[in-house]
């Protein structure tokens, strides 16, 4: 499954997001007295590389990690991702497919998700009109939004000619 980011920009923006995430993680580990291990470092490096571009399941992350460091167990990947989530540098997402996926987080950054139910492709988008309308609705009910998650599920308008769907069918 791959993602397409509408609003995050190119490589320079991704690199800056990863640098900020590394600083936040370093502070979190120093403050919490957590130690670095070779396996943890590899998991973090792979997640920051691949997770900055798409939403990864633990299994997908473990497969990527094992290309670099064979023998890294699922439990180690799970514990490391829990630590990254606790540190605020990863977001845990559960879409309708049922699999927990992780994405690189950034303080103050917000985006919504559009998910193709045909091929599973996840699009990230930002839309100030939608955000404004949600605030208006909350205000009408006497509420102030503290956080929200907006997921839209859709079918591909390209149908059977969708390149992503064809890619899924070829790899299956």
C-alpha atoms as a PDB file:
ATOM      1  CA  UNK A   1       0.000   0.000   0.000  1.00  0.00           C
ATOM      2  CA  UNK A   2       1.380   3.384  -0.850  1.00  0.00           C
ATOM      3  CA  UNK A   3       0.324   6.874   0.059  1.00  0.00           C
ATOM      4  CA  UNK A   4       0.138  10.091  -1.814  1.00  0.00           C
ATOM      5  CA  UNK A   5       0.702  13.252   0.118  1.00  0.00           C
ATOM      6  CA  UNK A   6      -1.201  16.336  -0.969  1.00  0.00           C
ATOM      7  CA  UNK A   7       0.169  19.205   1.049  1.00  0.00           C
ATOM      8  CA  UNK A   8       3.373  17.820   2.528  1.00  0.00           C
ATOM      9  CA  UNK A   9       5.597  18.625  -0.414  1.00  0.00           C
ATOM     10  CA  UNK A  10       8.809  17.118  -1.609  1.00  0.00           C
ATOM     11  CA  UNK A  11      12.044  15.752  -0.280  1.00  0.00           C
ATOM     12  CA  UNK A  12      13.243  18.896   1.518  1.00  0.00           C
ATOM     13  CA  UNK A  13      10.076  19.139   3.578  1.00  0.00           C
ATOM     14  CA  UNK A  14      10.198  15.400   4.354  1.00  0.00           C
ATOM     15  CA  UNK A  15      13.865  15.682   5.397  1.00  0.00           C
ATOM     16  CA  UNK A  16      13.060  18.591   7.720  1.00  0.00           C
ATOM     17  CA  UNK A  17      10.158  16.637   9.251  1.00  0.00           C
ATOM     18  CA  UNK A  18      12.490  13.697   9.896  1.00  0.00           C
ATOM     19  CA  UNK A  19      15.140  15.980  11.454  1.00  0.00           C
ATOM     20  CA  UNK A  20      12.534  17.461  13.815  1.00  0.00           C
ATOM     21  CA  UNK A  21      11.242  13.995  14.693  1.00  0.00           C
ATOM     22  CA  UNK A  22      14.780  12.819  15.473  1.00  0.00           C
ATOM     23  CA  UNK A  23      15.291  15.805  17.814  1.00  0.00           C
ATOM     24  CA  UNK A  24      12.005  15.147  19.620  1.00  0.00           C
ATOM     25  CA  UNK A  25      12.812  11.441  19.947  1.00  0.00           C
ATOM     26  CA  UNK A  26      16.308  12.182  21.258  1.00  0.00           C
ATOM     27  CA  UNK A  27      14.896  14.512  23.929  1.00  0.00           C
ATOM     28  CA  UNK A  28      12.254  11.934  24.860  1.00  0.00           C
ATOM     29  CA  UNK A  29      14.829   9.171  25.222  1.00  0.00           C
ATOM     30  CA  UNK A  30      17.249  11.340  27.216  1.00  0.00           C
ATOM     31  CA  UNK A  31      14.500  12.539  29.554  1.00  0.00           C
ATOM     32  CA  UNK A  32      13.081   9.042  30.009  1.00  0.00           C
ATOM     33  CA  UNK A  33      16.458   7.366  30.478  1.00  0.00           C
ATOM     34  CA  UNK A  34      15.877   5.107  27.484  1.00  0.00           C
ATOM     35  CA  UNK A  35      18.889   3.567  25.801  1.00  0.00           C
ATOM     36  CA  UNK A  36      19.657   3.057  22.149  1.00  0.00           C
ATOM     37  CA  UNK A  37      20.188  -0.422  20.803  1.00  0.00           C
ATOM     38  CA  UNK A  38      21.330  -1.439  17.326  1.00  0.00           C
ATOM     39  CA  UNK A  39      17.940  -2.995  16.554  1.00  0.00           C
ATOM     40  CA  UNK A  40      16.014   0.020  17.850  1.00  0.00           C
ATOM     41  CA  UNK A  41      18.206   2.366  15.811  1.00  0.00           C
ATOM     42  CA  UNK A  42      17.570   0.355  12.639  1.00  0.00           C
ATOM     43  CA  UNK A  43      13.802   0.315  13.252  1.00  0.00           C
ATOM     44  CA  UNK A  44      13.781   4.076  13.840  1.00  0.00           C
ATOM     45  CA  UNK A  45      15.909   4.737  10.741  1.00  0.00           C
ATOM     46  CA  UNK A  46      13.706   2.578   8.526  1.00  0.00           C
ATOM     47  CA  UNK A  47      10.496   4.055   9.927  1.00  0.00           C
ATOM     48  CA  UNK A  48      11.743   7.621   9.436  1.00  0.00           C
ATOM     49  CA  UNK A  49      12.760   6.765   5.873  1.00  0.00           C
ATOM     50  CA  UNK A  50       9.681   4.810   4.786  1.00  0.00           C
ATOM     51  CA  UNK A  51       7.105   6.053   7.316  1.00  0.00           C
ATOM     52  CA  UNK A  52       7.623   9.629   6.205  1.00  0.00           C
ATOM     53  CA  UNK A  53       6.259   8.610   2.802  1.00  0.00           C
ATOM     54  CA  UNK A  54       3.465   6.158   3.628  1.00  0.00           C
ATOM     55  CA  UNK A  55       1.442   4.474   6.360  1.00  0.00           C
ATOM     56  CA  UNK A  56       3.138   1.263   7.501  1.00  0.00           C
ATOM     57  CA  UNK A  57       1.764  -1.751   9.307  1.00  0.00           C
ATOM     58  CA  UNK A  58       4.010  -3.422  11.874  1.00  0.00           C
ATOM     59  CA  UNK A  59       4.465  -6.369   9.513  1.00  0.00           C
ATOM     60  CA  UNK A  60       5.466  -4.091   6.602  1.00  0.00           C
ATOM     61  CA  UNK A  61       7.898  -2.255   8.856  1.00  0.00           C
ATOM     62  CA  UNK A  62       9.384  -5.501  10.137  1.00  0.00           C
ATOM     63  CA  UNK A  63       9.895  -6.725   6.546  1.00  0.00           C
ATOM     64  CA  UNK A  64      11.709  -3.488   5.677  1.00  0.00           C
ATOM     65  CA  UNK A  65      13.802  -3.654   8.863  1.00  0.00           C
ATOM     66  CA  UNK A  66      14.832  -7.257   8.243  1.00  0.00           C
ATOM     67  CA  UNK A  67      16.362  -6.250   4.911  1.00  0.00           C
ATOM     68  CA  UNK A  68      18.833  -4.189   6.938  1.00  0.00           C
ATOM     69  CA  UNK A  69      18.989  -6.185  10.175  1.00  0.00           C
ATOM     70  CA  UNK A  70      17.820  -9.806   9.787  1.00  0.00           C
ATOM     71  CA  UNK A  71      16.469 -11.369  12.939  1.00  0.00           C
ATOM     72  CA  UNK A  72      14.680  -8.325  14.364  1.00  0.00           C
ATOM     73  CA  UNK A  73      11.582  -9.731  16.018  1.00  0.00           C
ATOM     74  CA  UNK A  74       8.017  -8.525  15.773  1.00  0.00           C
ATOM     75  CA  UNK A  75       7.928  -7.729  19.505  1.00  0.00           C
ATOM     76  CA  UNK A  76      10.950  -5.432  19.140  1.00  0.00           C
ATOM     77  CA  UNK A  77       9.293  -3.589  16.243  1.00  0.00           C
ATOM     78  CA  UNK A  78       6.062  -3.320  18.265  1.00  0.00           C
ATOM     79  CA  UNK A  79       7.817  -1.951  21.390  1.00  0.00           C
ATOM     80  CA  UNK A  80       9.823   0.538  19.328  1.00  0.00           C
ATOM     81  CA  UNK A  81       6.710   1.827  17.572  1.00  0.00           C
ATOM     82  CA  UNK A  82       4.947   2.126  20.940  1.00  0.00           C
ATOM     83  CA  UNK A  83       7.901   4.233  22.130  1.00  0.00           C
ATOM     84  CA  UNK A  84       7.767   6.413  18.980  1.00  0.00           C
ATOM     85  CA  UNK A  85       4.017   6.897  19.502  1.00  0.00           C
ATOM     86  CA  UNK A  86       4.517   7.771  23.174  1.00  0.00           C
ATOM     87  CA  UNK A  87       7.258  10.228  22.155  1.00  0.00           C
ATOM     88  CA  UNK A  88       4.835  11.914  19.747  1.00  0.00           C
ATOM     89  CA  UNK A  89       6.858  11.244  16.591  1.00  0.00           C
ATOM     90  CA  UNK A  90       4.530   8.554  15.201  1.00  0.00           C
ATOM     91  CA  UNK A  91       0.759   8.397  14.895  1.00  0.00           C
ATOM     92  CA  UNK A  92      -1.049   5.104  15.184  1.00  0.00           C
ATOM     93  CA  UNK A  93      -3.949   4.834  12.723  1.00  0.00           C
ATOM     94  CA  UNK A  94      -6.624   2.182  12.344  1.00  0.00           C
ATOM     95  CA  UNK A  95      -8.460   2.412   9.067  1.00  0.00           C
ATOM     96  CA  UNK A  96     -11.462   0.229   8.145  1.00  0.00           C
ATOM     97  CA  UNK A  97      -9.207  -2.522   6.825  1.00  0.00           C
ATOM     98  CA  UNK A  98      -8.499  -3.363  10.489  1.00  0.00           C
ATOM     99  CA  UNK A  99      -4.708  -3.175  10.350  1.00  0.00           C
ATOM    100  CA  UNK A 100      -2.923  -0.732  12.646  1.00  0.00           C
ATOM    101  CA  UNK A 101      -0.710   1.565  10.576  1.00  0.00           C
ATOM    102  CA  UNK A 102       1.856   4.149  11.593  1.00  0.00           C
ATOM    103  CA  UNK A 103       2.811   7.454  10.053  1.00  0.00           C
ATOM    104  CA  UNK A 104       5.393  10.067  10.909  1.00  0.00           C
ATOM    105  CA  UNK A 105       3.865  12.721  13.171  1.00  0.00           C
ATOM    106  CA  UNK A 106       4.677  16.372  13.439  1.00  0.00           C
ATOM    107  CA  UNK A 107       3.657  18.700  16.248  1.00  0.00           C
ATOM    108  CA  UNK A 108       0.974  21.118  15.100  1.00  0.00           C
ATOM    109  CA  UNK A 109       0.541  19.396  11.751  1.00  0.00           C
ATOM    110  CA  UNK A 110      -2.850  18.023  10.759  1.00  0.00           C
ATOM    111  CA  UNK A 111      -4.171  16.276   7.694  1.00  0.00           C
ATOM    112  CA  UNK A 112      -7.098  14.080   6.797  1.00  0.00           C
ATOM    113  CA  UNK A 113      -7.245  10.807   4.892  1.00  0.00           C
ATOM    114  CA  UNK A 114      -9.025   9.679   1.738  1.00  0.00           C
ATOM    115  CA  UNK A 115      -8.872   5.893   1.371  1.00  0.00           C
ATOM    116  CA  UNK A 116      -9.620   3.951  -1.809  1.00  0.00           C
ATOM    117  CA  UNK A 117     -11.620   0.857  -0.833  1.00  0.00           C
ATOM    118  CA  UNK A 118     -10.680  -0.840  -4.117  1.00  0.00           C
ATOM    119  CA  UNK A 119      -6.881  -0.830  -3.790  1.00  0.00           C
ATOM    120  CA  UNK A 120      -6.279   0.512  -0.276  1.00  0.00           C
ATOM    121  CA  UNK A 121      -4.333   3.564  -1.430  1.00  0.00           C
ATOM    122  CA  UNK A 122      -4.273   6.290   1.243  1.00  0.00           C
ATOM    123  CA  UNK A 123      -4.270   9.914   0.153  1.00  0.00           C
ATOM    124  CA  UNK A 124      -3.422  12.627   2.677  1.00  0.00           C
ATOM    125  CA  UNK A 125      -4.978  16.028   2.208  1.00  0.00           C
ATOM    126  CA  UNK A 126      -5.487  19.359   3.923  1.00  0.00           C
ATOM    127  CA  UNK A 127      -8.550  21.478   3.269  1.00  0.00           C
ATOM    128  CA  UNK A 128      -9.175  24.657   5.252  1.00  0.00           C
ATOM    129  CA  UNK A 129     -12.814  24.809   4.097  1.00  0.00           C
ATOM    130  CA  UNK A 130     -13.491  21.409   5.719  1.00  0.00           C
ATOM    131  CA  UNK A 131     -11.586  22.396   8.866  1.00  0.00           C
ATOM    132  CA  UNK A 132     -13.483  25.692   9.122  1.00  0.00           C
ATOM    133  CA  UNK A 133     -16.840  23.997   8.618  1.00  0.00           C
ATOM    134  CA  UNK A 134     -16.072  21.459  11.370  1.00  0.00           C
ATOM    135  CA  UNK A 135     -15.266  24.307  13.785  1.00  0.00           C
ATOM    136  CA  UNK A 136     -18.540  26.043  12.837  1.00  0.00           C
ATOM    137  CA  UNK A 137     -20.560  22.888  13.500  1.00  0.00           C
ATOM    138  CA  UNK A 138     -18.842  22.326  16.859  1.00  0.00           C
ATOM    139  CA  UNK A 139     -19.482  25.950  17.853  1.00  0.00           C
ATOM    140  CA  UNK A 140     -23.150  25.595  16.933  1.00  0.00           C
ATOM    141  CA  UNK A 141     -23.349  22.767  19.485  1.00  0.00           C
ATOM    142  CA  UNK A 142     -21.418  24.777  22.077  1.00  0.00           C
ATOM    143  CA  UNK A 143     -18.232  22.743  21.691  1.00  0.00           C
ATOM    144  CA  UNK A 144     -14.614  23.514  20.922  1.00  0.00           C
ATOM    145  CA  UNK A 145     -12.746  20.876  18.937  1.00  0.00           C
ATOM    146  CA  UNK A 146      -9.669  19.535  20.717  1.00  0.00           C
ATOM    147  CA  UNK A 147      -8.828  16.850  18.176  1.00  0.00           C
ATOM    148  CA  UNK A 148     -10.499  14.959  15.394  1.00  0.00           C
ATOM    149  CA  UNK A 149      -9.906  12.323  12.768  1.00  0.00           C
ATOM    150  CA  UNK A 150     -11.438  12.638   9.335  1.00  0.00           C
ATOM    151  CA  UNK A 151     -11.386   9.602   7.058  1.00  0.00           C
ATOM    152  CA  UNK A 152     -13.237   9.443   3.769  1.00  0.00           C
ATOM    153  CA  UNK A 153     -13.666   6.058   2.060  1.00  0.00           C
ATOM    154  CA  UNK A 154     -14.256   6.022  -1.688  1.00  0.00           C
ATOM    155  CA  UNK A 155     -14.049   3.886  -4.796  1.00  0.00           C
ATOM    156  CA  UNK A 156     -11.674   4.683  -7.610  1.00  0.00           C
ATOM    157  CA  UNK A 157     -13.276   6.647 -10.431  1.00  0.00           C
ATOM    158  CA  UNK A 158     -10.919   4.920 -12.885  1.00  0.00           C
ATOM    159  CA  UNK A 159     -12.389   1.498 -12.108  1.00  0.00           C
ATOM    160  CA  UNK A 160     -10.513  -1.459 -13.539  1.00  0.00           C
ATOM    161  CA  UNK A 161      -8.002   0.804 -15.328  1.00  0.00           C
ATOM    162  CA  UNK A 162      -6.654   2.212 -12.043  1.00  0.00           C
ATOM    163  CA  UNK A 163      -2.868   1.742 -12.085  1.00  0.00           C
ATOM    164  CA  UNK A 164      -2.720   1.264  -8.329  1.00  0.00           C
ATOM    165  CA  UNK A 165      -5.378  -1.455  -8.452  1.00  0.00           C
ATOM    166  CA  UNK A 166      -3.605  -3.124 -11.357  1.00  0.00           C
ATOM    167  CA  UNK A 167      -0.386  -3.013  -9.315  1.00  0.00           C
ATOM    168  CA  UNK A 168      -2.144  -4.715  -6.402  1.00  0.00           C
ATOM    169  CA  UNK A 169      -3.537  -7.396  -8.716  1.00  0.00           C
ATOM    170  CA  UNK A 170      -0.111  -8.022 -10.283  1.00  0.00           C
ATOM    171  CA  UNK A 171       1.589  -8.383  -6.893  1.00  0.00           C
ATOM    172  CA  UNK A 172      -1.139 -10.638  -5.455  1.00  0.00           C
END
